Protein backbone atom coordinates (compact mmCIF):
# COMPACT_ATOMS: atom_id res chain seq x y z
CA UNK A 1 114.10 150.54 125.34
CA UNK A 2 115.93 148.50 122.73
CA UNK A 3 117.04 146.04 125.41
CA UNK A 4 113.56 145.69 126.86
CA UNK A 5 112.00 145.02 123.45
CA UNK A 6 114.53 142.65 121.91
CA UNK A 7 111.74 140.15 121.20
CA UNK A 8 109.59 142.78 119.46
CA UNK A 9 110.69 141.90 115.95
CA UNK A 10 109.27 143.39 112.76
CA UNK A 11 106.92 140.91 111.10
CA UNK A 12 108.47 141.06 107.65
CA UNK A 13 109.19 138.40 105.09
CA UNK A 14 112.74 138.23 106.42
CA UNK A 15 111.45 137.83 109.94
CA UNK A 16 109.11 135.00 108.90
CA UNK A 17 112.06 133.31 107.15
CA UNK A 18 114.12 133.60 110.34
CA UNK A 19 111.29 132.09 112.37
CA UNK A 20 111.01 129.27 109.84
CA UNK A 21 114.72 128.55 110.19
CA UNK A 22 114.41 128.40 113.98
CA UNK A 23 111.39 126.10 113.77
CA UNK A 24 113.17 123.71 111.40
CA UNK A 25 116.31 123.82 113.53
CA UNK A 26 114.27 123.00 116.64
CA UNK A 27 112.53 120.13 114.85
CA UNK A 28 115.86 118.80 113.61
CA UNK A 29 117.32 118.95 117.11
CA UNK A 30 114.32 117.05 118.48
CA UNK A 31 114.77 114.42 115.80
CA UNK A 32 118.45 114.01 116.75
CA UNK A 33 117.61 113.93 120.45
CA UNK A 34 119.55 117.16 121.10
CA UNK A 35 117.38 118.61 123.85
CA UNK A 36 119.66 121.57 124.58
CA UNK A 37 119.63 122.78 120.97
CA UNK A 38 115.87 122.26 120.72
CA UNK A 39 115.25 124.33 123.85
CA UNK A 40 117.54 127.06 122.55
CA UNK A 41 115.73 127.37 119.23
CA UNK A 42 112.28 127.07 120.83
CA UNK A 43 113.27 129.81 123.27
CA UNK A 44 114.12 132.12 120.40
CA UNK A 45 110.55 131.58 119.22
CA UNK A 46 109.06 132.17 122.64
CA UNK A 47 107.77 128.59 122.78
CA UNK A 48 107.97 127.23 126.29
CA UNK A 49 108.75 130.67 127.71
CA UNK A 50 106.03 131.84 130.13
CA UNK A 51 107.00 135.46 129.77
CA UNK A 52 104.97 138.06 127.86
CA UNK A 53 105.45 138.39 124.10
CA UNK A 54 105.18 141.34 121.79
CA UNK A 55 101.72 141.70 120.23
CA UNK A 56 101.25 139.51 117.20
CA UNK A 57 104.49 137.55 117.58
CA UNK A 58 102.82 134.34 118.90
CA UNK A 59 100.40 134.47 115.98
CA UNK A 60 103.20 134.74 113.44
CA UNK A 61 105.14 131.87 115.05
CA UNK A 62 102.01 129.72 115.10
CA UNK A 63 101.27 130.48 111.46
CA UNK A 64 104.80 129.57 110.41
CA UNK A 65 104.69 126.31 112.37
CA UNK A 66 101.31 125.39 110.93
CA UNK A 67 102.46 126.22 107.42
CA UNK A 68 105.53 124.01 107.79
CA UNK A 69 103.48 121.15 109.19
CA UNK A 70 100.94 121.40 106.38
CA UNK A 71 103.72 121.53 103.81
CA UNK A 72 105.31 118.44 105.34
CA UNK A 73 101.96 116.62 105.29
CA UNK A 74 101.53 117.34 101.60
CA UNK A 75 105.09 116.13 100.93
CA UNK A 76 104.35 112.97 102.94
CA UNK A 77 101.46 112.11 100.62
CA UNK A 78 103.80 112.46 97.65
CA UNK A 79 106.26 110.12 99.39
CA UNK A 80 103.62 107.41 99.73
CA UNK A 81 102.43 107.98 103.30
CA UNK A 82 98.75 107.89 104.23
CA UNK A 83 96.82 109.45 107.16
CA UNK A 84 96.95 106.34 109.36
CA UNK A 85 100.68 106.00 108.66
CA UNK A 86 101.39 109.54 109.87
CA UNK A 87 99.28 109.06 113.00
CA UNK A 88 101.11 105.81 113.74
CA UNK A 89 104.54 107.37 113.21
CA UNK A 90 103.77 110.37 115.43
CA UNK A 91 102.26 108.18 118.13
CA UNK A 92 105.29 105.87 118.14
CA UNK A 93 107.75 108.75 118.39
CA UNK A 94 105.83 110.96 120.80
CA UNK A 95 102.45 110.11 122.28
CA UNK A 96 98.77 109.65 121.52
CA UNK A 97 98.26 113.27 122.56
CA UNK A 98 100.30 114.44 119.57
CA UNK A 99 97.84 112.85 117.15
CA UNK A 100 95.21 115.53 117.87
CA UNK A 101 97.17 118.50 116.45
CA UNK A 102 98.37 116.29 113.59
CA UNK A 103 94.75 115.37 112.78
CA UNK A 104 93.74 119.02 112.85
CA UNK A 105 96.52 119.87 110.40
CA UNK A 106 95.57 116.99 108.11
CA UNK A 107 91.92 118.08 108.17
CA UNK A 108 92.95 121.63 107.32
CA UNK A 109 95.09 120.41 104.42
CA UNK A 110 92.21 118.33 103.04
CA UNK A 111 89.74 121.23 102.92
CA UNK A 112 91.12 122.18 99.53
CA UNK A 113 89.72 118.96 98.03
CA UNK A 114 86.17 117.90 97.31
CA UNK A 115 84.99 114.91 99.32
CA UNK A 116 84.14 113.05 96.10
CA UNK A 117 87.80 113.25 94.97
CA UNK A 118 89.14 111.42 98.03
CA UNK A 119 89.43 107.64 97.83
CA UNK A 120 87.08 105.69 100.12
CA UNK A 121 89.88 103.86 101.94
CA UNK A 122 91.76 107.13 102.43
CA UNK A 123 88.69 108.82 103.85
CA UNK A 124 88.12 105.93 106.25
CA UNK A 125 91.60 106.57 107.59
CA UNK A 126 90.77 110.24 108.02
CA UNK A 127 87.68 109.32 110.02
CA UNK A 128 89.63 106.86 112.15
CA UNK A 129 92.07 109.53 113.33
CA UNK A 130 89.46 112.31 113.58
CA UNK A 131 90.71 114.24 110.54
CA UNK A 132 87.74 114.10 108.17
CA UNK A 133 86.89 117.74 107.35
CA UNK A 134 83.60 116.81 105.65
CA UNK A 135 82.03 115.12 108.68
CA UNK A 136 80.98 116.85 111.91
CA UNK A 137 83.67 116.23 114.54
CA UNK A 138 82.66 114.10 117.46
CA UNK A 139 82.97 115.78 120.87
CA UNK A 140 86.53 115.46 122.09
CA UNK A 141 87.81 114.08 118.76
CA UNK A 142 91.10 115.16 117.27
CA UNK A 143 89.33 117.20 114.61
CA UNK A 144 87.88 119.42 117.31
CA UNK A 145 91.45 120.58 118.03
CA UNK A 146 91.74 123.82 116.05
CA UNK A 147 94.99 125.45 114.92
CA UNK A 148 96.30 128.40 116.89
CA UNK A 149 94.71 131.72 116.02
CA UNK A 150 96.87 133.99 118.10
CA UNK A 151 94.24 134.75 120.71
CA UNK A 152 96.77 134.42 123.52
CA UNK A 153 99.52 136.94 124.03
CA UNK A 154 101.65 134.43 125.94
CA UNK A 155 104.10 131.99 124.42
CA UNK A 156 103.44 129.02 126.68
CA UNK A 157 100.60 127.57 124.57
CA UNK A 158 100.90 123.83 124.14
CA UNK A 159 99.95 123.77 120.47
CA UNK A 160 103.08 125.26 118.89
CA UNK A 161 105.35 122.91 120.81
CA UNK A 162 103.22 119.88 119.95
CA UNK A 163 103.28 120.89 116.30
CA UNK A 164 107.06 121.28 116.36
CA UNK A 165 107.25 117.78 117.84
CA UNK A 166 105.02 116.55 115.02
CA UNK A 167 107.19 118.37 112.47
CA UNK A 168 110.27 116.58 113.81
CA UNK A 169 108.67 113.37 112.53
CA UNK A 170 107.04 114.56 109.32
CA UNK A 171 109.91 116.54 107.83
CA UNK A 172 112.25 113.53 107.59
CA UNK A 173 110.02 110.67 106.49
CA UNK A 174 111.41 108.10 104.04
CA UNK A 175 109.69 107.31 100.76
CA UNK A 176 107.16 104.46 100.77
CA UNK A 177 105.41 102.68 97.89
CA UNK A 178 102.23 104.49 96.92
CA UNK A 179 99.21 102.30 97.68
CA UNK A 180 96.35 104.30 96.19
CA UNK A 181 95.25 107.61 94.68
CA UNK A 182 96.22 110.81 96.46
CA UNK A 183 93.54 113.16 97.76
CA UNK A 184 92.08 115.02 94.81
CA UNK A 185 92.76 112.07 92.49
CA UNK A 186 90.14 109.63 93.78
CA UNK A 187 86.66 109.17 92.49
CA UNK A 188 83.34 108.21 93.99
CA UNK A 189 82.62 104.48 93.86
CA UNK A 190 79.45 103.25 92.19
CA UNK A 191 79.30 100.19 94.42
CA UNK A 192 77.26 101.62 97.26
CA UNK A 193 74.98 98.58 97.41
CA UNK A 194 77.98 96.24 97.52
CA UNK A 195 79.55 98.39 100.25
CA UNK A 196 76.37 98.10 102.31
CA UNK A 197 76.44 94.30 101.94
CA UNK A 198 80.11 94.23 102.93
CA UNK A 199 79.36 96.39 105.96
CA UNK A 200 76.67 93.98 107.13
CA UNK A 201 79.00 91.00 106.77
CA UNK A 202 81.78 92.81 108.60
CA UNK A 203 79.41 93.69 111.41
CA UNK A 204 78.56 90.01 111.83
CA UNK A 205 82.26 89.17 111.84
CA UNK A 206 82.92 91.85 114.47
CA UNK A 207 80.16 90.42 116.64
CA UNK A 208 81.62 86.91 116.42
CA UNK A 209 85.13 88.16 117.20
CA UNK A 210 83.86 90.21 120.13
CA UNK A 211 82.36 87.03 121.57
CA UNK A 212 85.64 85.24 121.02
CA UNK A 213 87.51 87.96 122.90
CA UNK A 214 85.08 88.07 125.81
CA UNK A 215 84.60 84.38 126.54
CA UNK A 216 86.77 82.67 129.14
CA UNK A 217 86.33 79.27 127.47
CA UNK A 218 88.99 78.37 124.91
CA UNK A 219 86.68 76.07 122.93
CA UNK A 220 84.12 78.85 122.56
CA UNK A 221 86.75 81.37 121.49
CA UNK A 222 88.07 78.95 118.88
CA UNK A 223 84.56 78.24 117.61
CA UNK A 224 83.66 81.93 117.28
CA UNK A 225 86.96 82.75 115.54
CA UNK A 226 86.61 79.84 113.11
CA UNK A 227 83.06 80.89 112.31
CA UNK A 228 84.20 84.46 111.67
CA UNK A 229 86.92 83.22 109.32
CA UNK A 230 84.50 80.93 107.51
CA UNK A 231 82.01 83.78 107.10
CA UNK A 232 84.66 86.09 105.67
CA UNK A 233 85.99 83.40 103.36
CA UNK A 234 82.56 82.57 101.97
CA UNK A 235 81.70 86.24 101.50
CA UNK A 236 85.01 86.78 99.72
CA UNK A 237 84.33 83.89 97.35
CA UNK A 238 80.83 85.17 96.59
CA UNK A 239 82.19 88.64 95.89
CA UNK A 240 84.87 87.15 93.65
CA UNK A 241 82.23 85.43 91.56
CA UNK A 242 80.23 88.63 91.26
CA UNK A 243 83.18 90.89 90.48
CA UNK A 244 85.19 88.44 88.41
CA UNK A 245 88.95 88.26 88.43
CA UNK A 246 89.22 91.28 86.18
CA UNK A 247 87.39 93.64 88.48
CA UNK A 248 88.41 97.21 87.79
CA UNK A 249 89.53 97.87 91.34
CA UNK A 250 91.90 94.90 91.57
CA UNK A 251 94.04 94.16 94.61
CA UNK A 252 95.50 96.96 96.68
CA UNK A 253 97.75 97.40 99.69
CA UNK A 254 96.89 98.36 103.24
CA UNK A 255 99.36 99.09 106.02
CA UNK A 256 98.57 97.58 109.42
CA UNK A 257 100.50 98.51 112.53
CA UNK A 258 102.81 95.87 114.01
CA UNK A 259 104.54 97.25 117.08
CA UNK A 260 107.00 96.02 119.66
CA UNK A 261 107.28 94.15 121.86
CA UNK A 262 107.53 90.93 119.84
CA UNK A 263 106.87 92.72 116.55
CA UNK A 264 108.40 89.93 114.50
CA UNK A 265 106.12 87.31 116.03
CA UNK A 266 103.12 89.61 115.63
CA UNK A 267 103.96 90.15 111.98
CA UNK A 268 104.01 86.38 111.60
CA UNK A 269 100.49 86.20 113.01
CA UNK A 270 99.36 88.87 110.56
CA UNK A 271 100.98 86.93 107.73
CA UNK A 272 99.11 83.77 108.70
CA UNK A 273 95.79 85.60 108.79
CA UNK A 274 96.60 87.20 105.43
CA UNK A 275 97.48 83.84 103.85
CA UNK A 276 94.22 82.28 105.04
CA UNK A 277 92.33 85.11 103.36
CA UNK A 278 94.13 85.03 100.00
CA UNK A 279 96.32 88.01 100.84
CA UNK A 280 100.03 88.52 101.36
CA UNK A 281 101.77 90.59 104.01
CA UNK A 282 105.16 92.31 103.79
CA UNK A 283 106.68 93.41 107.09
CA UNK A 284 108.62 96.69 107.26
CA UNK A 285 110.27 96.27 110.64
CA UNK A 286 111.83 99.70 111.09
CA UNK A 287 108.57 101.58 110.60
CA UNK A 288 106.26 99.40 112.68
CA UNK A 289 103.84 98.09 110.07
CA UNK A 290 103.14 95.36 107.55
CA UNK A 291 101.70 96.05 104.12
CA UNK A 292 98.94 93.57 103.32
CA UNK A 293 97.98 93.05 99.68
CA UNK A 294 94.61 91.73 98.63
CA UNK A 295 91.17 92.66 97.38
CA UNK A 296 89.22 95.19 99.43
CA UNK A 297 86.83 92.78 101.13
CA UNK A 298 89.66 90.39 101.99
CA UNK A 299 91.71 93.22 103.49
CA UNK A 300 88.82 94.21 105.74
CA UNK A 301 88.58 90.65 107.02
CA UNK A 302 92.33 90.35 107.58
CA UNK A 303 92.46 93.50 109.68
CA UNK A 304 89.45 92.51 111.78
CA UNK A 305 90.56 88.95 112.42
CA UNK A 306 94.20 89.84 113.08
CA UNK A 307 93.25 92.52 115.59
CA UNK A 308 90.95 90.14 117.45
CA UNK A 309 93.44 87.26 117.45
CA UNK A 310 96.19 89.52 118.73
CA UNK A 311 93.97 90.62 121.62
CA UNK A 312 93.25 86.98 122.46
CA UNK A 313 96.90 85.97 122.13
CA UNK A 314 98.22 88.76 124.34
CA UNK A 315 95.56 88.05 126.97
CA UNK A 316 96.43 84.34 127.05
CA UNK A 317 100.17 85.07 127.07
CA UNK A 318 99.91 87.57 129.90
CA UNK A 319 98.01 85.09 132.06
CA UNK A 320 101.05 82.80 132.07
CA UNK A 321 102.93 85.38 134.15
CA UNK A 322 106.73 85.79 134.36
CA UNK A 323 109.08 82.90 133.66
CA UNK A 324 112.58 81.89 134.75
CA UNK A 325 114.95 79.24 133.47
CA UNK A 326 116.49 76.47 135.56
CA UNK A 327 119.25 78.84 136.67
CA UNK A 328 116.76 81.39 138.00
CA UNK A 329 117.31 83.86 135.17
CA UNK A 330 114.34 85.56 133.56
CA UNK A 331 113.14 83.80 130.42
CA UNK A 332 109.91 85.76 130.04
CA UNK A 333 110.94 87.38 126.79
CA UNK A 334 111.97 84.16 125.04
CA UNK A 335 108.87 82.43 126.43
CA UNK A 336 106.52 85.08 125.09
CA UNK A 337 108.22 85.26 121.71
CA UNK A 338 107.95 81.48 121.33
CA UNK A 339 104.35 81.62 122.57
CA UNK A 340 103.33 84.09 119.87
CA UNK A 341 105.20 82.26 117.10
CA UNK A 342 103.59 78.94 117.99
CA UNK A 343 100.21 80.62 118.38
CA UNK A 344 100.53 82.19 114.94
CA UNK A 345 101.53 78.93 113.32
CA UNK A 346 98.68 76.94 114.78
CA UNK A 347 96.12 79.68 114.22
CA UNK A 348 97.19 79.79 110.60
CA UNK A 349 96.41 76.11 110.25
CA UNK A 350 92.99 76.56 111.79
CA UNK A 351 92.13 79.58 109.70
CA UNK A 352 93.14 77.86 106.50
CA UNK A 353 91.00 74.87 107.43
CA UNK A 354 87.99 77.14 107.98
CA UNK A 355 88.62 79.01 104.74
CA UNK A 356 89.02 75.72 102.91
CA UNK A 357 85.68 74.48 104.20
CA UNK A 358 84.01 77.68 103.01
CA UNK A 359 85.60 77.38 99.58
CA UNK A 360 84.51 73.75 99.29
CA UNK A 361 80.94 74.73 100.05
CA UNK A 362 81.15 77.58 97.55
CA UNK A 363 82.57 75.29 94.87
CA UNK A 364 79.54 73.03 95.21
CA UNK A 365 77.36 76.06 94.50
CA UNK A 366 79.37 77.84 91.82
CA UNK A 367 80.80 74.80 90.07
CA UNK A 368 83.81 74.79 87.76
CA UNK A 369 83.77 78.57 87.33
CA UNK A 370 85.09 79.18 90.84
CA UNK A 371 88.66 77.87 90.65
CA UNK A 372 89.75 79.95 87.64
CA UNK A 373 88.39 83.10 89.27
CA UNK A 374 90.23 82.41 92.55
CA UNK A 375 93.41 81.53 90.67
CA UNK A 376 93.28 84.79 88.71
CA UNK A 377 92.69 86.80 91.88
CA UNK A 378 95.59 85.03 93.57
CA UNK A 379 97.87 85.87 90.65
CA UNK A 380 96.71 89.48 90.71
CA UNK A 381 97.74 89.71 94.38
CA UNK A 382 101.12 88.13 93.63
CA UNK A 383 101.67 90.60 90.80
CA UNK A 384 100.78 93.53 93.07
CA UNK A 385 103.31 92.38 95.66
CA UNK A 386 106.03 91.94 93.05
CA UNK A 387 105.37 95.33 91.49
CA UNK A 388 105.42 97.12 94.84
CA UNK A 389 108.30 95.23 96.45
CA UNK A 390 110.50 93.89 93.67
CA UNK A 391 113.37 93.10 96.06
CA UNK A 392 111.98 91.38 99.13
CA UNK A 393 114.40 90.08 101.71
CA UNK A 394 113.78 86.79 103.49
CA UNK A 395 114.52 86.41 107.19
CA UNK A 396 113.85 83.75 109.78
CA UNK A 397 112.51 83.52 113.32
CA UNK A 398 114.35 81.34 115.80
CA UNK A 399 112.39 79.84 118.68
CA UNK A 400 114.43 78.64 121.65
CA UNK A 401 111.86 78.31 124.44
CA UNK A 402 110.03 74.99 124.32
CA UNK A 403 107.66 75.89 127.16
CA UNK A 404 106.59 79.03 125.34
CA UNK A 405 106.05 77.09 122.13
CA UNK A 406 103.91 74.52 123.93
CA UNK A 407 101.87 77.17 125.72
CA UNK A 408 101.31 79.15 122.52
CA UNK A 409 100.25 76.07 120.65
CA UNK A 410 97.85 75.12 123.43
CA UNK A 411 96.44 78.63 123.44
CA UNK A 412 95.72 78.19 119.74
CA UNK A 413 93.88 75.01 120.63
CA UNK A 414 96.23 72.34 119.35
CA UNK A 415 95.94 69.16 121.46
CA UNK A 416 99.41 67.85 120.62
CA UNK A 417 102.50 69.44 119.14
CA UNK A 418 102.69 68.92 115.39
CA UNK A 419 105.91 68.88 113.35
CA UNK A 420 107.20 72.42 113.27
CA UNK A 421 107.03 74.35 110.03
CA UNK A 422 109.68 76.82 109.07
CA UNK A 423 108.58 80.33 108.53
CA UNK A 424 110.65 83.30 107.70
CA UNK A 425 110.05 87.02 108.05
CA UNK A 426 108.92 88.97 105.12
CA UNK A 427 106.76 87.05 102.79
CA UNK A 428 104.50 85.30 105.18
CA UNK A 429 101.51 83.38 104.03
CA UNK A 430 102.19 85.45 101.18
CA UNK A 431 104.78 88.08 101.32
CA UNK A 432 106.10 90.16 103.95
CA UNK A 433 105.82 88.69 107.41
CA UNK A 434 108.29 86.65 109.35
CA UNK A 435 107.55 82.96 109.57
CA UNK A 436 108.88 80.67 112.26
CA UNK A 437 111.87 78.81 111.04
CA UNK A 438 111.55 76.12 113.64
CA UNK A 439 110.08 75.05 116.89
CA UNK A 440 112.27 74.84 119.95
CA UNK A 441 115.91 74.89 118.96
CA UNK A 442 117.10 72.07 116.76
CA UNK A 443 113.67 70.50 116.42
CA UNK A 444 113.90 71.59 112.85
CA UNK A 445 111.26 72.37 110.35
CA UNK A 446 110.44 73.17 106.81
CA UNK A 447 108.68 76.36 106.29
CA UNK A 448 107.00 78.79 104.03
CA UNK A 449 108.85 81.84 102.95
CA UNK A 450 108.01 85.21 104.26
CA UNK A 451 109.50 88.37 103.03
CA UNK A 452 110.52 91.54 104.73
CA UNK A 453 111.92 94.86 103.74
């Protein structure tokens, strides 16, 4: 009888501690890539085993796993991570399917807070990943994925294993700079009318960018994108005059995903968009994101415009097909990297021209009061970057494929190649994104600094 019921363990505090040790050991093995050890520890928990389990044991295992995940989520907030960061990290390590149980755990952890004590930007991230516990879940959203409740008496449920996978990411996260108040520490904004105005402007920008992405005519795409940038720039200036440089909110940081392939070139594009919108971007290469610093309205515009431009760039780059050098060897990777770097550089010029035109028009309306306000806001952004990343490291991007550079420049609607500007990774257009150091090899260039960490 004892042999037949070896898995019928007493559900005591000691037993729960033993289960917790097995769960953490399995998560650690998954993190190291030790599949054999992970399977061994998961087997001890009955996870992945299709055989019958003793009554109540699956429930206890599920509760321990959920408790560990929730504890790791809370620790992640203390280490500077935010909901979108966790979703991005889990998706990069595992799959989009793992975001659903993560979102459910995040939603569960947030139920202890009042909605009014959660920062607006934080709550927007919760909504984006389907983890907002104060809003009705949409059908099929991640928040509709409920934690295990022990209904099944079999150990082959997917949820515990997915949560152990998630735990293998969450339990070993590094510390990041904190970018805003933690849940429970936020407060309701009084600027509901301003938020409504911002939302209307952003909707117009989205509409313009959608047209830019859908058209097959390069001139039209360029026109729509320039108009979107001009609209955002003018709205930003108007908000600056209303808020003043000393607005209580001040600049803040927002992390935006920058993934491989060609992450360095993509971070350069984000840095150019940030610079054109009075923001700075700092690329953190190992974690797949850049941190963009700026005022709230500017950050919204940067994220929208960058996302749209990246879609357009990748579409244009993909249309060029594979490439080989004169010896018949594949040069697709160097071509595409050069394409994106050149595209970013030229797009940056165009965006700055559009933003400059908007500022000129605003200066005619607001007069001499405008420049001091913009200067103060610029300095506030610089100070925020310096306080958050006091030791930025500068890197450079080398471009060796002239055909890719030419194609990328053409895709950004430059009629002829201009002198190449040097750009380095990290503090792009501000701080933190790589900037191209040169055009095709040895064509040289001066460039702006970009910082990375």
